Amino acid sequence: MTRSKTRTFTNQLIFIRTLFSKVITNGEVDRKYYSFVGEWEKIK
């Protein structure tokens, strides 16, 4: 995978993580569905 493709994928994950954080903060989704916790799920 090229560097630009890797970065695009990372940016999409960051966007999804941000959306999840907002809906959890608003109480629309339970925190148990948040996938971005733990060592394997960290976005670098």
PDB file of N, CA and C in Angstrom:
ATOM      1  N   MET A   1       0.853  -1.168   0.000  1.00  0.00           N
ATOM      2  CA  MET A   1       0.000   0.000   0.000  1.00  0.00           C
ATOM      3  C   MET A   1       0.902   1.236   0.000  1.00  0.00           C
ATOM      4  N   THR A   2       0.567   2.201  -0.810  1.00  0.00           N
ATOM      5  CA  THR A   2       1.381   3.413  -0.872  1.00  0.00           C
ATOM      6  C   THR A   2       1.091   4.304   0.321  1.00  0.00           C
ATOM      7  N   ARG A   3       1.993   5.223   0.533  1.00  0.00           N
ATOM      8  CA  ARG A   3       1.857   6.135   1.676  1.00  0.00           C
ATOM      9  C   ARG A   3       0.563   6.945   1.608  1.00  0.00           C
ATOM     10  N   SER A   4       0.186   7.432   0.427  1.00  0.00           N
ATOM     11  CA  SER A   4      -1.029   8.238   0.305  1.00  0.00           C
ATOM     12  C   SER A   4      -2.283   7.414   0.595  1.00  0.00           C
ATOM     13  N   LYS A   5      -2.294   6.162   0.171  1.00  0.00           N
ATOM     14  CA  LYS A   5      -3.442   5.299   0.464  1.00  0.00           C
ATOM     15  C   LYS A   5      -3.526   5.016   1.955  1.00  0.00           C
ATOM     16  N   THR A   6      -2.388   4.801   2.584  1.00  0.00           N
ATOM     17  CA  THR A   6      -2.361   4.546   4.026  1.00  0.00           C
ATOM     18  C   THR A   6      -2.895   5.752   4.783  1.00  0.00           C
ATOM     19  N   ARG A   7      -2.475   6.937   4.380  1.00  0.00           N
ATOM     20  CA  ARG A   7      -2.907   8.159   5.052  1.00  0.00           C
ATOM     21  C   ARG A   7      -4.406   8.388   4.847  1.00  0.00           C
ATOM     22  N   THR A   8      -4.906   8.114   3.642  1.00  0.00           N
ATOM     23  CA  THR A   8      -6.331   8.275   3.369  1.00  0.00           C
ATOM     24  C   THR A   8      -7.142   7.352   4.264  1.00  0.00           C
ATOM     25  N   PHE A   9      -6.709   6.119   4.392  1.00  0.00           N
ATOM     26  CA  PHE A   9      -7.394   5.158   5.261  1.00  0.00           C
ATOM     27  C   PHE A   9      -7.361   5.632   6.709  1.00  0.00           C
ATOM     28  N   THR A  10      -6.227   6.132   7.144  1.00  0.00           N
ATOM     29  CA  THR A  10      -6.098   6.638   8.509  1.00  0.00           C
ATOM     30  C   THR A  10      -7.030   7.814   8.737  1.00  0.00           C
ATOM     31  N   ASN A  11      -7.109   8.725   7.780  1.00  0.00           N
ATOM     32  CA  ASN A  11      -8.009   9.873   7.903  1.00  0.00           C
ATOM     33  C   ASN A  11      -9.464   9.429   7.999  1.00  0.00           C
ATOM     34  N   GLN A  12      -9.833   8.401   7.263  1.00  0.00           N
ATOM     35  CA  GLN A  12     -11.200   7.892   7.335  1.00  0.00           C
ATOM     36  C   GLN A  12     -11.487   7.286   8.703  1.00  0.00           C
ATOM     37  N   LEU A  13     -10.530   6.578   9.262  1.00  0.00           N
ATOM     38  CA  LEU A  13     -10.703   6.020  10.606  1.00  0.00           C
ATOM     39  C   LEU A  13     -10.842   7.122  11.646  1.00  0.00           C
ATOM     40  N   ILE A  14     -10.054   8.175  11.507  1.00  0.00           N
ATOM     41  CA  ILE A  14     -10.141   9.304  12.431  1.00  0.00           C
ATOM     42  C   ILE A  14     -11.523   9.938  12.345  1.00  0.00           C
ATOM     43  N   PHE A  15     -12.052  10.081  11.136  1.00  0.00           N
ATOM     44  CA  PHE A  15     -13.385  10.647  10.950  1.00  0.00           C
ATOM     45  C   PHE A  15     -14.441   9.775  11.631  1.00  0.00           C
ATOM     46  N   ILE A  16     -14.365   8.471  11.439  1.00  0.00           N
ATOM     47  CA  ILE A  16     -15.317   7.545  12.063  1.00  0.00           C
ATOM     48  C   ILE A  16     -15.213   7.611  13.578  1.00  0.00           C
ATOM     49  N   ARG A  17     -13.998   7.660  14.088  1.00  0.00           N
ATOM     50  CA  ARG A  17     -13.790   7.755  15.537  1.00  0.00           C
ATOM     51  C   ARG A  17     -14.414   9.039  16.080  1.00  0.00           C
ATOM     52  N   THR A  18     -14.240  10.139  15.361  1.00  0.00           N
ATOM     53  CA  THR A  18     -14.804  11.417  15.782  1.00  0.00           C
ATOM     54  C   THR A  18     -16.332  11.358  15.810  1.00  0.00           C
ATOM     55  N   LEU A  19     -16.931  10.770  14.778  1.00  0.00           N
ATOM     56  CA  LEU A  19     -18.388  10.626  14.756  1.00  0.00           C
ATOM     57  C   LEU A  19     -18.878   9.795  15.943  1.00  0.00           C
ATOM     58  N   PHE A  20     -18.211   8.685  16.206  1.00  0.00           N
ATOM     59  CA  PHE A  20     -18.577   7.837  17.338  1.00  0.00           C
ATOM     60  C   PHE A  20     -18.499   8.610  18.646  1.00  0.00           C
ATOM     61  N   SER A  21     -17.444   9.376  18.820  1.00  0.00           N
ATOM     62  CA  SER A  21     -17.284  10.155  20.049  1.00  0.00           C
ATOM     63  C   SER A  21     -18.430  11.145  20.231  1.00  0.00           C
ATOM     64  N   LYS A  22     -18.830  11.787  19.146  1.00  0.00           N
ATOM     65  CA  LYS A  22     -19.912  12.769  19.231  1.00  0.00           C
ATOM     66  C   LYS A  22     -21.255  12.123  19.571  1.00  0.00           C
ATOM     67  N   VAL A  23     -21.576  11.009  18.940  1.00  0.00           N
ATOM     68  CA  VAL A  23     -22.870  10.387  19.224  1.00  0.00           C
ATOM     69  C   VAL A  23     -22.895   9.759  20.618  1.00  0.00           C
ATOM     70  N   ILE A  24     -21.759   9.302  21.095  1.00  0.00           N
ATOM     71  CA  ILE A  24     -21.693   8.788  22.461  1.00  0.00           C
ATOM     72  C   ILE A  24     -21.887   9.928  23.445  1.00  0.00           C
ATOM     73  N   THR A  25     -21.228  11.058  23.187  1.00  0.00           N
ATOM     74  CA  THR A  25     -21.374  12.234  24.056  1.00  0.00           C
ATOM     75  C   THR A  25     -22.821  12.711  24.081  1.00  0.00           C
ATOM     76  N   ASN A  26     -23.502  12.637  22.953  1.00  0.00           N
ATOM     77  CA  ASN A  26     -24.907  13.052  22.873  1.00  0.00           C
ATOM     78  C   ASN A  26     -25.858  12.010  23.452  1.00  0.00           C
ATOM     79  N   GLY A  27     -25.357  10.842  23.811  1.00  0.00           N
ATOM     80  CA  GLY A  27     -26.184   9.798  24.390  1.00  0.00           C
ATOM     81  C   GLY A  27     -26.977   9.002  23.362  1.00  0.00           C
ATOM     82  N   GLU A  28     -26.610   9.106  22.095  1.00  0.00           N
ATOM     83  CA  GLU A  28     -27.335   8.413  21.036  1.00  0.00           C
ATOM     84  C   GLU A  28     -26.871   6.961  20.858  1.00  0.00           C
ATOM     85  N   VAL A  29     -25.654   6.658  21.297  1.00  0.00           N
ATOM     86  CA  VAL A  29     -25.091   5.314  21.185  1.00  0.00           C
ATOM     87  C   VAL A  29     -24.428   4.978  22.517  1.00  0.00           C
ATOM     88  N   ASP A  30     -24.574   3.741  22.933  1.00  0.00           N
ATOM     89  CA  ASP A  30     -23.951   3.306  24.178  1.00  0.00           C
ATOM     90  C   ASP A  30     -22.443   3.170  24.001  1.00  0.00           C
ATOM     91  N   ARG A  31     -21.683   3.500  25.038  1.00  0.00           N
ATOM     92  CA  ARG A  31     -20.224   3.470  24.993  1.00  0.00           C
ATOM     93  C   ARG A  31     -19.665   2.074  24.688  1.00  0.00           C
ATOM     94  N   LYS A  32     -20.434   1.018  24.951  1.00  0.00           N
ATOM     95  CA  LYS A  32     -19.942  -0.345  24.709  1.00  0.00           C
ATOM     96  C   LYS A  32     -19.689  -0.618  23.227  1.00  0.00           C
ATOM     97  N   TYR A  33     -20.270   0.200  22.338  1.00  0.00           N
ATOM     98  CA  TYR A  33     -20.069   0.010  20.899  1.00  0.00           C
ATOM     99  C   TYR A  33     -18.862   0.782  20.360  1.00  0.00           C
ATOM    100  N   TYR A  34     -18.184   1.523  21.218  1.00  0.00           N
ATOM    101  CA  TYR A  34     -17.011   2.292  20.790  1.00  0.00           C
ATOM    102  C   TYR A  34     -15.860   1.329  20.540  1.00  0.00           C
ATOM    103  N   SER A  35     -15.381   1.281  19.303  1.00  0.00           N
ATOM    104  CA  SER A  35     -14.390   0.288  18.892  1.00  0.00           C
ATOM    105  C   SER A  35     -12.941   0.738  19.045  1.00  0.00           C
ATOM    106  N   PHE A  36     -12.724   1.976  19.416  1.00  0.00           N
ATOM    107  CA  PHE A  36     -11.381   2.532  19.367  1.00  0.00           C
ATOM    108  C   PHE A  36     -10.723   2.590  20.746  1.00  0.00           C
ATOM    109  N   VAL A  37     -10.803   1.515  21.476  1.00  0.00           N
ATOM    110  CA  VAL A  37     -10.125   1.406  22.765  1.00  0.00           C
ATOM    111  C   VAL A  37      -9.222   0.181  22.740  1.00  0.00           C
ATOM    112  N   GLY A  38      -8.178   0.218  23.511  1.00  0.00           N
ATOM    113  CA  GLY A  38      -7.255  -0.901  23.537  1.00  0.00           C
ATOM    114  C   GLY A  38      -6.045  -0.663  22.655  1.00  0.00           C
ATOM    115  N   GLU A  39      -5.063  -1.476  22.824  1.00  0.00           N
ATOM    116  CA  GLU A  39      -3.788  -1.305  22.119  1.00  0.00           C
ATOM    117  C   GLU A  39      -3.901  -1.538  20.611  1.00  0.00           C
ATOM    118  N   TRP A  40      -4.682  -2.516  20.182  1.00  0.00           N
ATOM    119  CA  TRP A  40      -4.765  -2.858  18.763  1.00  0.00           C
ATOM    120  C   TRP A  40      -5.553  -1.839  17.950  1.00  0.00           C
ATOM    121  N   GLU A  41      -6.447  -1.112  18.597  1.00  0.00           N
ATOM    122  CA  GLU A  41      -7.335  -0.213  17.878  1.00  0.00           C
ATOM    123  C   GLU A  41      -6.837   1.225  17.793  1.00  0.00           C
ATOM    124  N   LYS A  42      -5.656   1.511  18.311  1.00  0.00           N
ATOM    125  CA  LYS A  42      -5.138   2.879  18.289  1.00  0.00           C
ATOM    126  C   LYS A  42      -4.786   3.292  16.858  1.00  0.00           C
ATOM    127  N   ILE A  43      -5.142   4.528  16.537  1.00  0.00           N
ATOM    128  CA  ILE A  43      -4.845   5.075  15.214  1.00  0.00           C
ATOM    129  C   ILE A  43      -3.576   5.917  15.343  1.00  0.00           C
ATOM    130  N   LYS A  44      -2.598   5.625  14.512  1.00  0.00           N
ATOM    131  CA  LYS A  44      -1.334   6.341  14.599  1.00  0.00           C
ATOM    132  C   LYS A  44      -1.222   7.389  13.535  1.00  0.00           C
TER     133      LYS A  44
END
